[in-house]
Amino acid sequence: MTATISANGFIEIPPLFRESDRVRDGQICDIERLGRGEYRLRVRADEEPARQSQSWLDILFDCPVRDWFEPAARRQTTDELPASCFE
């Protein structure tokens, strides 16, 4: 099969190869230069891209320290403000 390199240097892997090897969007690949005009492309294992696709909430829940957050002391509430502030 033939692939074309875009102006940005991207190579699109043909759908037949992606489907047979189960290559997904965003999956990380390693490229090794073997010689002039010869390259080897290796798709990394499934575990590695999963770490990158975690949401920030998943990362926070993985934190080993629990209950570390302490809210700041409030100096005043709206009840303590003079009425002229709301006019």
C-alpha atoms as a PDB file:
ATOM      1  CA  MET A   1       0.000   0.000   0.000  1.00  0.00           C
ATOM      2  CA  THR A   2       1.041   3.574  -0.535  1.00  0.00           C
ATOM      3  CA  ALA A   3       0.802   6.479   1.918  1.00  0.00           C
ATOM      4  CA  THR A   4       1.403  10.160   1.224  1.00  0.00           C
ATOM      5  CA  ILE A   5       3.193  12.505   3.607  1.00  0.00           C
ATOM      6  CA  SER A   6       1.272  15.740   4.224  1.00  0.00           C
ATOM      7  CA  ALA A   7       2.824  19.222   4.269  1.00  0.00           C
ATOM      8  CA  ASN A   8       2.911  18.953   8.079  1.00  0.00           C
ATOM      9  CA  GLY A   9       4.821  15.662   7.955  1.00  0.00           C
ATOM     10  CA  PHE A  10       1.857  13.443   8.832  1.00  0.00           C
ATOM     11  CA  ILE A  11       1.561   9.945   7.411  1.00  0.00           C
ATOM     12  CA  GLU A  12      -1.882   8.377   7.299  1.00  0.00           C
ATOM     13  CA  ILE A  13      -1.899   4.657   7.960  1.00  0.00           C
ATOM     14  CA  PRO A  14      -4.340   3.015   5.522  1.00  0.00           C
ATOM     15  CA  PRO A  15      -7.660   1.909   7.090  1.00  0.00           C
ATOM     16  CA  LEU A  16      -7.002  -1.763   6.277  1.00  0.00           C
ATOM     17  CA  PHE A  17      -3.851  -1.735   8.436  1.00  0.00           C
ATOM     18  CA  ARG A  18      -5.466   0.314  11.227  1.00  0.00           C
ATOM     19  CA  GLU A  19      -8.421  -2.069  11.466  1.00  0.00           C
ATOM     20  CA  SER A  20      -6.383  -5.281  11.334  1.00  0.00           C
ATOM     21  CA  ASP A  21      -3.908  -4.022  13.971  1.00  0.00           C
ATOM     22  CA  ARG A  22      -6.558  -2.189  16.035  1.00  0.00           C
ATOM     23  CA  VAL A  23      -4.743   1.151  15.844  1.00  0.00           C
ATOM     24  CA  ARG A  24      -6.862   3.954  17.335  1.00  0.00           C
ATOM     25  CA  ASP A  25      -6.840   7.767  17.153  1.00  0.00           C
ATOM     26  CA  GLY A  26      -4.317   9.258  19.543  1.00  0.00           C
ATOM     27  CA  GLN A  27      -2.388   6.036  19.994  1.00  0.00           C
ATOM     28  CA  ILE A  28       1.357   6.637  20.378  1.00  0.00           C
ATOM     29  CA  CYS A  29       3.825   5.246  17.839  1.00  0.00           C
ATOM     30  CA  ASP A  30       7.621   5.023  17.845  1.00  0.00           C
ATOM     31  CA  ILE A  31       9.561   5.654  14.634  1.00  0.00           C
ATOM     32  CA  GLU A  32      13.042   4.252  14.116  1.00  0.00           C
ATOM     33  CA  ARG A  33      15.254   5.254  11.199  1.00  0.00           C
ATOM     34  CA  LEU A  34      16.863   2.131   9.747  1.00  0.00           C
ATOM     35  CA  GLY A  35      18.688   3.827   6.898  1.00  0.00           C
ATOM     36  CA  ARG A  36      18.184   6.271   4.073  1.00  0.00           C
ATOM     37  CA  GLY A  37      14.513   6.037   3.104  1.00  0.00           C
ATOM     38  CA  GLU A  38      13.811   3.113   5.491  1.00  0.00           C
ATOM     39  CA  TYR A  39      11.845   3.521   8.703  1.00  0.00           C
ATOM     40  CA  ARG A  40      10.206   1.201  11.214  1.00  0.00           C
ATOM     41  CA  LEU A  41       6.935   2.234  12.845  1.00  0.00           C
ATOM     42  CA  ARG A  42       5.879   0.524  16.086  1.00  0.00           C
ATOM     43  CA  VAL A  43       2.551   1.113  17.777  1.00  0.00           C
ATOM     44  CA  ARG A  44       2.888   1.165  21.558  1.00  0.00           C
ATOM     45  CA  ALA A  45       0.905  -1.140  23.843  1.00  0.00           C
ATOM     46  CA  ASP A  46      -2.674  -0.239  24.797  1.00  0.00           C
ATOM     47  CA  GLU A  47      -1.800   0.650  28.409  1.00  0.00           C
ATOM     48  CA  GLU A  48       0.273   3.695  27.521  1.00  0.00           C
ATOM     49  CA  PRO A  49      -2.334   5.811  25.659  1.00  0.00           C
ATOM     50  CA  ALA A  50      -4.923   5.079  28.355  1.00  0.00           C
ATOM     51  CA  ARG A  51      -2.853   7.016  30.895  1.00  0.00           C
ATOM     52  CA  GLN A  52      -2.888  10.101  28.692  1.00  0.00           C
ATOM     53  CA  SER A  53      -6.620   9.965  28.124  1.00  0.00           C
ATOM     54  CA  GLN A  54      -7.449  10.076  31.837  1.00  0.00           C
ATOM     55  CA  SER A  55      -9.512  13.056  32.868  1.00  0.00           C
ATOM     56  CA  TRP A  56      -8.169  15.476  35.475  1.00  0.00           C
ATOM     57  CA  LEU A  57     -10.782  14.134  37.866  1.00  0.00           C
ATOM     58  CA  ASP A  58      -9.432  10.577  37.533  1.00  0.00           C
ATOM     59  CA  ILE A  59      -5.938  11.874  38.245  1.00  0.00           C
ATOM     60  CA  LEU A  60      -7.130  13.712  41.367  1.00  0.00           C
ATOM     61  CA  PHE A  61      -8.923  10.604  42.631  1.00  0.00           C
ATOM     62  CA  ASP A  62      -5.667   8.660  42.215  1.00  0.00           C
ATOM     63  CA  CYS A  63      -3.972  11.023  44.692  1.00  0.00           C
ATOM     64  CA  PRO A  64      -2.825   9.026  47.757  1.00  0.00           C
ATOM     65  CA  VAL A  65      -3.467  11.913  50.189  1.00  0.00           C
ATOM     66  CA  ARG A  66      -7.112  12.264  51.197  1.00  0.00           C
ATOM     67  CA  ASP A  67      -8.851  15.149  52.983  1.00  0.00           C
ATOM     68  CA  TRP A  68      -5.946  17.564  52.600  1.00  0.00           C
ATOM     69  CA  PHE A  69      -8.092  20.480  51.454  1.00  0.00           C
ATOM     70  CA  GLU A  70      -8.933  23.108  54.063  1.00  0.00           C
ATOM     71  CA  PRO A  71     -11.160  26.003  53.005  1.00  0.00           C
ATOM     72  CA  ALA A  72      -9.831  29.491  53.706  1.00  0.00           C
ATOM     73  CA  ALA A  73     -11.340  31.358  56.641  1.00  0.00           C
ATOM     74  CA  ARG A  74     -13.959  33.841  55.479  1.00  0.00           C
ATOM     75  CA  ARG A  75     -13.524  37.357  56.721  1.00  0.00           C
ATOM     76  CA  GLN A  76     -16.995  38.583  55.990  1.00  0.00           C
ATOM     77  CA  THR A  77     -20.270  37.519  54.459  1.00  0.00           C
ATOM     78  CA  THR A  78     -22.805  39.560  52.563  1.00  0.00           C
ATOM     79  CA  ASP A  79     -24.832  39.809  55.796  1.00  0.00           C
ATOM     80  CA  GLU A  80     -22.048  41.860  57.357  1.00  0.00           C
ATOM     81  CA  LEU A  81     -21.743  44.308  54.442  1.00  0.00           C
ATOM     82  CA  PRO A  82     -23.523  47.634  54.720  1.00  0.00           C
ATOM     83  CA  ALA A  83     -26.661  48.018  52.615  1.00  0.00           C
ATOM     84  CA  SER A  84     -25.025  50.865  50.672  1.00  0.00           C
ATOM     85  CA  CYS A  85     -22.822  48.316  48.899  1.00  0.00           C
ATOM     86  CA  PHE A  86     -25.855  46.900  47.090  1.00  0.00           C
ATOM     87  CA  GLU A  87     -27.381  50.146  45.887  1.00  0.00           C
END
